Amino acid sequence: MTDINANISHLQEKLQMLIKEFKQLQKENNRLLKDIATAKAEKEANSNQLNQLEQKLSAVQLTSGNWNETEKVGLQKKIDAYLKEIDKCLALLHA
């Protein structure tokens, strides 16, 4: 009978330790989830800032006129693509 009581007592101690460890892991998991959410928000903000800076850089490059040949060719291709798209839209409107 004492063996059974000792085993039950030992199991209760292990169970209490497991419950305590589980609660600690839950707290850590919640903290990590908050860290992930914060990191995602920072990433989004940085991405938006990068896009804004790239747009500003493009605007400065357009106004400066200091382009190399590859930039000129790339810009010309973009303009041509936009003009083709505009022509398609106009054709659809007049059809």
PDB file of N, CA and C in Angstrom:
ATOM      1  N   MET A   1       0.808  -1.191   0.000  1.00  0.00           N
ATOM      2  CA  MET A   1       0.000   0.000   0.000  1.00  0.00           C
ATOM      3  C   MET A   1       0.856   1.263   0.000  1.00  0.00           C
ATOM      4  N   THR A   2       1.954   1.220   0.729  1.00  0.00           N
ATOM      5  CA  THR A   2       2.850   2.369   0.766  1.00  0.00           C
ATOM      6  C   THR A   2       3.508   2.583  -0.583  1.00  0.00           C
ATOM      7  N   ASP A   3       3.756   1.482  -1.307  1.00  0.00           N
ATOM      8  CA  ASP A   3       4.330   1.617  -2.639  1.00  0.00           C
ATOM      9  C   ASP A   3       3.357   2.353  -3.569  1.00  0.00           C
ATOM     10  N   ILE A   4       2.101   2.031  -3.466  1.00  0.00           N
ATOM     11  CA  ILE A   4       1.097   2.683  -4.303  1.00  0.00           C
ATOM     12  C   ILE A   4       1.004   4.170  -3.953  1.00  0.00           C
ATOM     13  N   ASN A   5       1.006   4.459  -2.655  1.00  0.00           N
ATOM     14  CA  ASN A   5       0.950   5.860  -2.220  1.00  0.00           C
ATOM     15  C   ASN A   5       2.198   6.612  -2.673  1.00  0.00           C
ATOM     16  N   ALA A   6       3.343   5.963  -2.609  1.00  0.00           N
ATOM     17  CA  ALA A   6       4.594   6.595  -3.035  1.00  0.00           C
ATOM     18  C   ALA A   6       4.569   6.840  -4.546  1.00  0.00           C
ATOM     19  N   ASN A   7       4.063   5.859  -5.282  1.00  0.00           N
ATOM     20  CA  ASN A   7       3.961   6.023  -6.737  1.00  0.00           C
ATOM     21  C   ASN A   7       2.989   7.152  -7.110  1.00  0.00           C
ATOM     22  N   ILE A   8       1.867   7.199  -6.409  1.00  0.00           N
ATOM     23  CA  ILE A   8       0.885   8.261  -6.670  1.00  0.00           C
ATOM     24  C   ILE A   8       1.494   9.615  -6.334  1.00  0.00           C
ATOM     25  N   SER A   9       2.183   9.697  -5.239  1.00  0.00           N
ATOM     26  CA  SER A   9       2.826  10.951  -4.835  1.00  0.00           C
ATOM     27  C   SER A   9       3.887  11.364  -5.859  1.00  0.00           C
ATOM     28  N   HIS A  10       4.664  10.383  -6.312  1.00  0.00           N
ATOM     29  CA  HIS A  10       5.694  10.656  -7.315  1.00  0.00           C
ATOM     30  C   HIS A  10       5.053  11.143  -8.639  1.00  0.00           C
ATOM     31  N   LEU A  11       3.964  10.508  -9.054  1.00  0.00           N
ATOM     32  CA  LEU A  11       3.254  10.920 -10.265  1.00  0.00           C
ATOM     33  C   LEU A  11       2.671  12.321 -10.120  1.00  0.00           C
ATOM     34  N   GLN A  12       2.152  12.635  -8.937  1.00  0.00           N
ATOM     35  CA  GLN A  12       1.608  13.973  -8.704  1.00  0.00           C
ATOM     36  C   GLN A  12       2.710  15.029  -8.805  1.00  0.00           C
ATOM     37  N   GLU A  13       3.872  14.733  -8.289  1.00  0.00           N
ATOM     38  CA  GLU A  13       4.996  15.666  -8.369  1.00  0.00           C
ATOM     39  C   GLU A  13       5.400  15.889  -9.830  1.00  0.00           C
ATOM     40  N   LYS A  14       5.489  14.787 -10.581  1.00  0.00           N
ATOM     41  CA  LYS A  14       5.832  14.913 -11.999  1.00  0.00           C
ATOM     42  C   LYS A  14       4.778  15.699 -12.758  1.00  0.00           C
ATOM     43  N   LEU A  15       3.523  15.439 -12.441  1.00  0.00           N
ATOM     44  CA  LEU A  15       2.430  16.142 -13.088  1.00  0.00           C
ATOM     45  C   LEU A  15       2.501  17.638 -12.791  1.00  0.00           C
ATOM     46  N   GLN A  16       2.767  17.984 -11.545  1.00  0.00           N
ATOM     47  CA  GLN A  16       2.896  19.393 -11.170  1.00  0.00           C
ATOM     48  C   GLN A  16       4.064  20.055 -11.917  1.00  0.00           C
ATOM     49  N   MET A  17       5.169  19.339 -12.054  1.00  0.00           N
ATOM     50  CA  MET A  17       6.320  19.872 -12.789  1.00  0.00           C
ATOM     51  C   MET A  17       5.967  20.073 -14.261  1.00  0.00           C
ATOM     52  N   LEU A  18       5.247  19.110 -14.840  1.00  0.00           N
ATOM     53  CA  LEU A  18       4.845  19.223 -16.238  1.00  0.00           C
ATOM     54  C   LEU A  18       3.883  20.389 -16.443  1.00  0.00           C
ATOM     55  N   ILE A  19       2.965  20.581 -15.521  1.00  0.00           N
ATOM     56  CA  ILE A  19       2.015  21.692 -15.620  1.00  0.00           C
ATOM     57  C   ILE A  19       2.768  23.027 -15.539  1.00  0.00           C
ATOM     58  N   LYS A  20       3.726  23.100 -14.621  1.00  0.00           N
ATOM     59  CA  LYS A  20       4.525  24.317 -14.471  1.00  0.00           C
ATOM     60  C   LYS A  20       5.325  24.591 -15.748  1.00  0.00           C
ATOM     61  N   GLU A  21       5.929  23.567 -16.302  1.00  0.00           N
ATOM     62  CA  GLU A  21       6.700  23.716 -17.542  1.00  0.00           C
ATOM     63  C   GLU A  21       5.783  24.109 -18.700  1.00  0.00           C
ATOM     64  N   PHE A  22       4.598  23.519 -18.762  1.00  0.00           N
ATOM     65  CA  PHE A  22       3.635  23.847 -19.802  1.00  0.00           C
ATOM     66  C   PHE A  22       3.237  25.322 -19.734  1.00  0.00           C
ATOM     67  N   LYS A  23       2.984  25.829 -18.541  1.00  0.00           N
ATOM     68  CA  LYS A  23       2.617  27.237 -18.373  1.00  0.00           C
ATOM     69  C   LYS A  23       3.753  28.155 -18.800  1.00  0.00           C
ATOM     70  N   GLN A  24       4.978  27.770 -18.475  1.00  0.00           N
ATOM     71  CA  GLN A  24       6.133  28.571 -18.890  1.00  0.00           C
ATOM     72  C   GLN A  24       6.257  28.584 -20.411  1.00  0.00           C
ATOM     73  N   LEU A  25       6.042  27.428 -21.038  1.00  0.00           N
ATOM     74  CA  LEU A  25       6.113  27.350 -22.494  1.00  0.00           C
ATOM     75  C   LEU A  25       4.995  28.159 -23.148  1.00  0.00           C
ATOM     76  N   GLN A  26       3.830  28.175 -22.537  1.00  0.00           N
ATOM     77  CA  GLN A  26       2.733  28.990 -23.060  1.00  0.00           C
ATOM     78  C   GLN A  26       3.091  30.473 -23.009  1.00  0.00           C
ATOM     79  N   LYS A  27       3.675  30.906 -21.886  1.00  0.00           N
ATOM     80  CA  LYS A  27       4.087  32.306 -21.762  1.00  0.00           C
ATOM     81  C   LYS A  27       5.136  32.654 -22.823  1.00  0.00           C
ATOM     82  N   GLU A  28       6.099  31.764 -22.997  1.00  0.00           N
ATOM     83  CA  GLU A  28       7.141  32.008 -23.991  1.00  0.00           C
ATOM     84  C   GLU A  28       6.544  32.044 -25.399  1.00  0.00           C
ATOM     85  N   ASN A  29       5.621  31.144 -25.676  1.00  0.00           N
ATOM     86  CA  ASN A  29       4.974  31.117 -26.987  1.00  0.00           C
ATOM     87  C   ASN A  29       4.218  32.421 -27.244  1.00  0.00           C
ATOM     88  N   ASN A  30       3.485  32.911 -26.261  1.00  0.00           N
ATOM     89  CA  ASN A  30       2.760  34.174 -26.400  1.00  0.00           C
ATOM     90  C   ASN A  30       3.728  35.331 -26.644  1.00  0.00           C
ATOM     91  N   ARG A  31       4.845  35.333 -25.935  1.00  0.00           N
ATOM     92  CA  ARG A  31       5.843  36.383 -26.117  1.00  0.00           C
ATOM     93  C   ARG A  31       6.415  36.332 -27.527  1.00  0.00           C
ATOM     94  N   LEU A  32       6.702  35.123 -27.993  1.00  0.00           N
ATOM     95  CA  LEU A  32       7.245  34.965 -29.342  1.00  0.00           C
ATOM     96  C   LEU A  32       6.236  35.377 -30.418  1.00  0.00           C
ATOM     97  N   LEU A  33       4.971  35.081 -30.191  1.00  0.00           N
ATOM     98  CA  LEU A  33       3.936  35.504 -31.133  1.00  0.00           C
ATOM     99  C   LEU A  33       3.852  37.029 -31.201  1.00  0.00           C
ATOM    100  N   LYS A  34       3.987  37.681 -30.053  1.00  0.00           N
ATOM    101  CA  LYS A  34       3.994  39.149 -30.042  1.00  0.00           C
ATOM    102  C   LYS A  34       5.223  39.677 -30.768  1.00  0.00           C
ATOM    103  N   ASP A  35       6.367  39.032 -30.562  1.00  0.00           N
ATOM    104  CA  ASP A  35       7.595  39.441 -31.257  1.00  0.00           C
ATOM    105  C   ASP A  35       7.432  39.303 -32.770  1.00  0.00           C
ATOM    106  N   ILE A  36       6.796  38.233 -33.207  1.00  0.00           N
ATOM    107  CA  ILE A  36       6.567  38.013 -34.638  1.00  0.00           C
ATOM    108  C   ILE A  36       5.663  39.110 -35.187  1.00  0.00           C
ATOM    109  N   ALA A  37       4.605  39.435 -34.471  1.00  0.00           N
ATOM    110  CA  ALA A  37       3.686  40.471 -34.925  1.00  0.00           C
ATOM    111  C   ALA A  37       4.411  41.818 -35.027  1.00  0.00           C
ATOM    112  N   THR A  38       5.253  42.107 -34.055  1.00  0.00           N
ATOM    113  CA  THR A  38       6.018  43.356 -34.072  1.00  0.00           C
ATOM    114  C   THR A  38       6.977  43.371 -35.257  1.00  0.00           C
ATOM    115  N   ALA A  39       7.651  42.251 -35.493  1.00  0.00           N
ATOM    116  CA  ALA A  39       8.601  42.167 -36.602  1.00  0.00           C
ATOM    117  C   ALA A  39       7.882  42.320 -37.945  1.00  0.00           C
ATOM    118  N   LYS A  40       6.700  41.744 -38.071  1.00  0.00           N
ATOM    119  CA  LYS A  40       5.926  41.878 -39.311  1.00  0.00           C
ATOM    120  C   LYS A  40       5.529  43.326 -39.536  1.00  0.00           C
ATOM    121  N   ALA A  41       5.118  44.003 -38.480  1.00  0.00           N
ATOM    122  CA  ALA A  41       4.727  45.405 -38.608  1.00  0.00           C
ATOM    123  C   ALA A  41       5.927  46.260 -39.008  1.00  0.00           C
ATOM    124  N   GLU A  42       7.075  45.989 -38.401  1.00  0.00           N
ATOM    125  CA  GLU A  42       8.294  46.727 -38.754  1.00  0.00           C
ATOM    126  C   GLU A  42       8.682  46.459 -40.205  1.00  0.00           C
ATOM    127  N   LYS A  43       8.557  45.208 -40.628  1.00  0.00           N
ATOM    128  CA  LYS A  43       8.887  44.853 -42.005  1.00  0.00           C
ATOM    129  C   LYS A  43       7.986  45.601 -42.980  1.00  0.00           C
ATOM    130  N   GLU A  44       6.704  45.656 -42.672  1.00  0.00           N
ATOM    131  CA  GLU A  44       5.745  46.353 -43.527  1.00  0.00           C
ATOM    132  C   GLU A  44       6.084  47.844 -43.600  1.00  0.00           C
ATOM    133  N   ALA A  45       6.407  48.437 -42.452  1.00  0.00           N
ATOM    134  CA  ALA A  45       6.759  49.856 -42.426  1.00  0.00           C
ATOM    135  C   ALA A  45       8.031  50.106 -43.233  1.00  0.00           C
ATOM    136  N   ASN A  46       9.013  49.224 -43.071  1.00  0.00           N
ATOM    137  CA  ASN A  46      10.260  49.369 -43.825  1.00  0.00           C
ATOM    138  C   ASN A  46      10.034  49.197 -45.319  1.00  0.00           C
ATOM    139  N   SER A  47       9.170  48.275 -45.676  1.00  0.00           N
ATOM    140  CA  SER A  47       8.855  48.050 -47.081  1.00  0.00           C
ATOM    141  C   SER A  47       8.183  49.280 -47.690  1.00  0.00           C
ATOM    142  N   ASN A  48       7.248  49.868 -46.942  1.00  0.00           N
ATOM    143  CA  ASN A  48       6.576  51.080 -47.420  1.00  0.00           C
ATOM    144  C   ASN A  48       7.570  52.226 -47.572  1.00  0.00           C
ATOM    145  N   GLN A  49       8.460  52.354 -46.607  1.00  0.00           N
ATOM    146  CA  GLN A  49       9.464  53.415 -46.670  1.00  0.00           C
ATOM    147  C   GLN A  49      10.395  53.200 -47.861  1.00  0.00           C
ATOM    148  N   LEU A  50      10.774  51.949 -48.095  1.00  0.00           N
ATOM    149  CA  LEU A  50      11.636  51.637 -49.234  1.00  0.00           C
ATOM    150  C   LEU A  50      10.944  52.004 -50.547  1.00  0.00           C
ATOM    151  N   ASN A  51       9.675  51.666 -50.674  1.00  0.00           N
ATOM    152  CA  ASN A  51       8.927  52.005 -51.887  1.00  0.00           C
ATOM    153  C   ASN A  51       8.866  53.516 -52.093  1.00  0.00           C
ATOM    154  N   GLN A  52       8.631  54.243 -51.024  1.00  0.00           N
ATOM    155  CA  GLN A  52       8.583  55.699 -51.129  1.00  0.00           C
ATOM    156  C   GLN A  52       9.939  56.261 -51.560  1.00  0.00           C
ATOM    157  N   LEU A  53      11.004  55.728 -50.979  1.00  0.00           N
ATOM    158  CA  LEU A  53      12.336  56.204 -51.341  1.00  0.00           C
ATOM    159  C   LEU A  53      12.691  55.858 -52.779  1.00  0.00           C
ATOM    160  N   GLU A  54      12.262  54.687 -53.238  1.00  0.00           N
ATOM    161  CA  GLU A  54      12.511  54.312 -54.629  1.00  0.00           C
ATOM    162  C   GLU A  54      11.755  55.245 -55.582  1.00  0.00           C
ATOM    163  N   GLN A  55      10.530  55.612 -55.219  1.00  0.00           N
ATOM    164  CA  GLN A  55       9.770  56.541 -56.046  1.00  0.00           C
ATOM    165  C   GLN A  55      10.439  57.917 -56.081  1.00  0.00           C
ATOM    166  N   LYS A  56      10.919  58.359 -54.920  1.00  0.00           N
ATOM    167  CA  LYS A  56      11.615  59.648 -54.874  1.00  0.00           C
ATOM    168  C   LYS A  56      12.890  59.604 -55.708  1.00  0.00           C
ATOM    169  N   LEU A  57      13.606  58.477 -55.620  1.00  0.00           N
ATOM    170  CA  LEU A  57      14.832  58.331 -56.406  1.00  0.00           C
ATOM    171  C   LEU A  57      14.518  58.376 -57.898  1.00  0.00           C
ATOM    172  N   SER A  58      13.456  57.695 -58.301  1.00  0.00           N
ATOM    173  CA  SER A  58      13.059  57.718 -59.714  1.00  0.00           C
ATOM    174  C   SER A  58      12.708  59.131 -60.155  1.00  0.00           C
ATOM    175  N   ALA A  59      11.999  59.862 -59.299  1.00  0.00           N
ATOM    176  CA  ALA A  59      11.624  61.241 -59.639  1.00  0.00           C
ATOM    177  C   ALA A  59      12.867  62.116 -59.767  1.00  0.00           C
ATOM    178  N   VAL A  60      13.810  61.944 -58.864  1.00  0.00           N
ATOM    179  CA  VAL A  60      15.051  62.731 -58.924  1.00  0.00           C
ATOM    180  C   VAL A  60      15.834  62.383 -60.179  1.00  0.00           C
ATOM    181  N   GLN A  61      15.881  61.104 -60.505  1.00  0.00           N
ATOM    182  CA  GLN A  61      16.609  60.693 -61.703  1.00  0.00           C
ATOM    183  C   GLN A  61      15.954  61.255 -62.961  1.00  0.00           C
ATOM    184  N   LEU A  62      14.619  61.299 -62.971  1.00  0.00           N
ATOM    185  CA  LEU A  62      13.922  61.848 -64.136  1.00  0.00           C
ATOM    186  C   LEU A  62      14.211  63.335 -64.304  1.00  0.00           C
ATOM    187  N   THR A  63      14.250  64.041 -63.201  1.00  0.00           N
ATOM    188  CA  THR A  63      14.456  65.486 -63.294  1.00  0.00           C
ATOM    189  C   THR A  63      15.916  65.864 -63.494  1.00  0.00           C
ATOM    190  N   SER A  64      16.825  65.013 -63.083  1.00  0.00           N
ATOM    191  CA  SER A  64      18.243  65.367 -63.185  1.00  0.00           C
ATOM    192  C   SER A  64      18.757  65.265 -64.616  1.00  0.00           C
ATOM    193  N   GLY A  65      18.251  64.305 -65.372  1.00  0.00           N
ATOM    194  CA  GLY A  65      18.688  64.142 -66.753  1.00  0.00           C
ATOM    195  C   GLY A  65      20.054  63.489 -66.878  1.00  0.00           C
ATOM    196  N   ASN A  66      20.644  63.109 -65.804  1.00  0.00           N
ATOM    197  CA  ASN A  66      21.958  62.442 -65.830  1.00  0.00           C
ATOM    198  C   ASN A  66      21.758  60.926 -65.885  1.00  0.00           C
ATOM    199  N   TRP A  67      21.469  60.427 -67.077  1.00  0.00           N
ATOM    200  CA  TRP A  67      21.197  59.005 -67.242  1.00  0.00           C
ATOM    201  C   TRP A  67      22.262  58.379 -68.110  1.00  0.00           C
ATOM    202  N   ASN A  68      22.512  57.110 -67.829  1.00  0.00           N
ATOM    203  CA  ASN A  68      23.373  56.373 -68.751  1.00  0.00           C
ATOM    204  C   ASN A  68      22.480  55.732 -69.815  1.00  0.00           C
ATOM    205  N   GLU A  69      23.085  55.114 -70.786  1.00  0.00           N
ATOM    206  CA  GLU A  69      22.323  54.578 -71.926  1.00  0.00           C
ATOM    207  C   GLU A  69      21.332  53.500 -71.514  1.00  0.00           C
ATOM    208  N   THR A  70      21.713  52.622 -70.600  1.00  0.00           N
ATOM    209  CA  THR A  70      20.787  51.553 -70.198  1.00  0.00           C
ATOM    210  C   THR A  70      19.557  52.125 -69.507  1.00  0.00           C
ATOM    211  N   GLU A  71      19.737  53.177 -68.698  1.00  0.00           N
ATOM    212  CA  GLU A  71      18.590  53.806 -68.059  1.00  0.00           C
ATOM    213  C   GLU A  71      17.683  54.468 -69.090  1.00  0.00           C
ATOM    214  N   LYS A  72      18.280  55.103 -70.093  1.00  0.00           N
ATOM    215  CA  LYS A  72      17.498  55.744 -71.145  1.00  0.00           C
ATOM    216  C   LYS A  72      16.694  54.711 -71.919  1.00  0.00           C
ATOM    217  N   VAL A  73      17.332  53.598 -72.258  1.00  0.00           N
ATOM    218  CA  VAL A  73      16.653  52.539 -73.007  1.00  0.00           C
ATOM    219  C   VAL A  73      15.522  51.953 -72.164  1.00  0.00           C
ATOM    220  N   GLY A  74      15.791  51.722 -70.883  1.00  0.00           N
ATOM    221  CA  GLY A  74      14.753  51.183 -70.001  1.00  0.00           C
ATOM    222  C   GLY A  74      13.571  52.113 -69.878  1.00  0.00           C
ATOM    223  N   LEU A  75      13.840  53.399 -69.733  1.00  0.00           N
ATOM    224  CA  LEU A  75      12.768  54.378 -69.639  1.00  0.00           C
ATOM    225  C   LEU A  75      11.981  54.448 -70.946  1.00  0.00           C
ATOM    226  N   GLN A  76      12.677  54.392 -72.058  1.00  0.00           N
ATOM    227  CA  GLN A  76      12.007  54.423 -73.358  1.00  0.00           C
ATOM    228  C   GLN A  76      11.093  53.202 -73.533  1.00  0.00           C
ATOM    229  N   LYS A  77      11.540  52.049 -73.062  1.00  0.00           N
ATOM    230  CA  LYS A  77      10.719  50.835 -73.157  1.00  0.00           C
ATOM    231  C   LYS A  77       9.461  50.975 -72.298  1.00  0.00           C
ATOM    232  N   LYS A  78       9.619  51.536 -71.099  1.00  0.00           N
ATOM    233  CA  LYS A  78       8.457  51.729 -70.232  1.00  0.00           C
ATOM    234  C   LYS A  78       7.462  52.693 -70.883  1.00  0.00           C
ATOM    235  N   ILE A  79       7.980  53.771 -71.428  1.00  0.00           N
ATOM    236  CA  ILE A  79       7.102  54.748 -72.080  1.00  0.00           C
ATOM    237  C   ILE A  79       6.386  54.111 -73.260  1.00  0.00           C
ATOM    238  N   ASP A  80       7.112  53.346 -74.064  1.00  0.00           N
ATOM    239  CA  ASP A  80       6.496  52.664 -75.209  1.00  0.00           C
ATOM    240  C   ASP A  80       5.398  51.707 -74.770  1.00  0.00           C
ATOM    241  N   ALA A  81       5.660  50.979 -73.688  1.00  0.00           N
ATOM    242  CA  ALA A  81       4.654  50.040 -73.181  1.00  0.00           C
ATOM    243  C   ALA A  81       3.409  50.790 -72.718  1.00  0.00           C
ATOM    244  N   TYR A  82       3.603  51.909 -72.035  1.00  0.00           N
ATOM    245  CA  TYR A  82       2.458  52.712 -71.596  1.00  0.00           C
ATOM    246  C   TYR A  82       1.681  53.257 -72.788  1.00  0.00           C
ATOM    247  N   LEU A  83       2.384  53.727 -73.792  1.00  0.00           N
ATOM    248  CA  LEU A  83       1.708  54.258 -74.972  1.00  0.00           C
ATOM    249  C   LEU A  83       0.904  53.182 -75.699  1.00  0.00           C
ATOM    250  N   LYS A  84       1.451  51.975 -75.796  1.00  0.00           N
ATOM    251  CA  LYS A  84       0.707  50.873 -76.425  1.00  0.00           C
ATOM    252  C   LYS A  84      -0.562  50.565 -75.642  1.00  0.00           C
ATOM    253  N   GLU A  85      -0.449  50.572 -74.327  1.00  0.00           N
ATOM    254  CA  GLU A  85      -1.609  50.299 -73.484  1.00  0.00           C
ATOM    255  C   GLU A  85      -2.660  51.391 -73.651  1.00  0.00           C
ATOM    256  N   ILE A  86      -2.228  52.636 -73.722  1.00  0.00           N
ATOM    257  CA  ILE A  86      -3.157  53.750 -73.932  1.00  0.00           C
ATOM    258  C   ILE A  86      -3.830  53.619 -75.296  1.00  0.00           C
ATOM    259  N   ASP A  87      -3.057  53.263 -76.324  1.00  0.00           N
ATOM    260  CA  ASP A  87      -3.636  53.075 -77.662  1.00  0.00           C
ATOM    261  C   ASP A  87      -4.688  51.970 -77.661  1.00  0.00           C
ATOM    262  N   LYS A  88      -4.422  50.878 -76.958  1.00  0.00           N
ATOM    263  CA  LYS A  88      -5.393  49.786 -76.864  1.00  0.00           C
ATOM    264  C   LYS A  88      -6.677  50.267 -76.194  1.00  0.00           C
ATOM    265  N   CYS A  89      -6.526  51.034 -75.129  1.00  0.00           N
ATOM    266  CA  CYS A  89      -7.707  51.539 -74.416  1.00  0.00           C
ATOM    267  C   CYS A  89      -8.513  52.484 -75.301  1.00  0.00           C
ATOM    268  N   LEU A  90      -7.814  53.354 -76.020  1.00  0.00           N
ATOM    269  CA  LEU A  90      -8.508  54.263 -76.916  1.00  0.00           C
ATOM    270  C   LEU A  90      -9.240  53.513 -78.019  1.00  0.00           C
ATOM    271  N   ALA A  91      -8.602  52.470 -78.547  1.00  0.00           N
ATOM    272  CA  ALA A  91      -9.242  51.665 -79.594  1.00  0.00           C
ATOM    273  C   ALA A  91     -10.494  50.999 -79.067  1.00  0.00           C
ATOM    274  N   LEU A  92     -10.454  50.528 -77.822  1.00  0.00           N
ATOM    275  CA  LEU A  92     -11.634  49.902 -77.223  1.00  0.00           C
ATOM    276  C   LEU A  92     -12.749  50.930 -77.007  1.00  0.00           C
ATOM    277  N   LEU A  93     -12.382  52.148 -76.667  1.00  0.00           N
ATOM    278  CA  LEU A  93     -13.390  53.186 -76.447  1.00  0.00           C
ATOM    279  C   LEU A  93     -14.079  53.584 -77.746  1.00  0.00           C
ATOM    280  N   HIS A  94     -13.328  53.592 -78.839  1.00  0.00           N
ATOM    281  CA  HIS A  94     -13.872  54.017 -80.124  1.00  0.00           C
ATOM    282  C   HIS A  94     -14.560  52.888 -80.884  1.00  0.00           C
ATOM    283  N   ALA A  95     -14.430  51.677 -80.381  1.00  0.00           N
ATOM    284  CA  ALA A  95     -15.021  50.545 -81.091  1.00  0.00           C
ATOM    285  C   ALA A  95     -16.500  50.409 -80.825  1.00  0.00           C
TER     286      ALA A  95
END
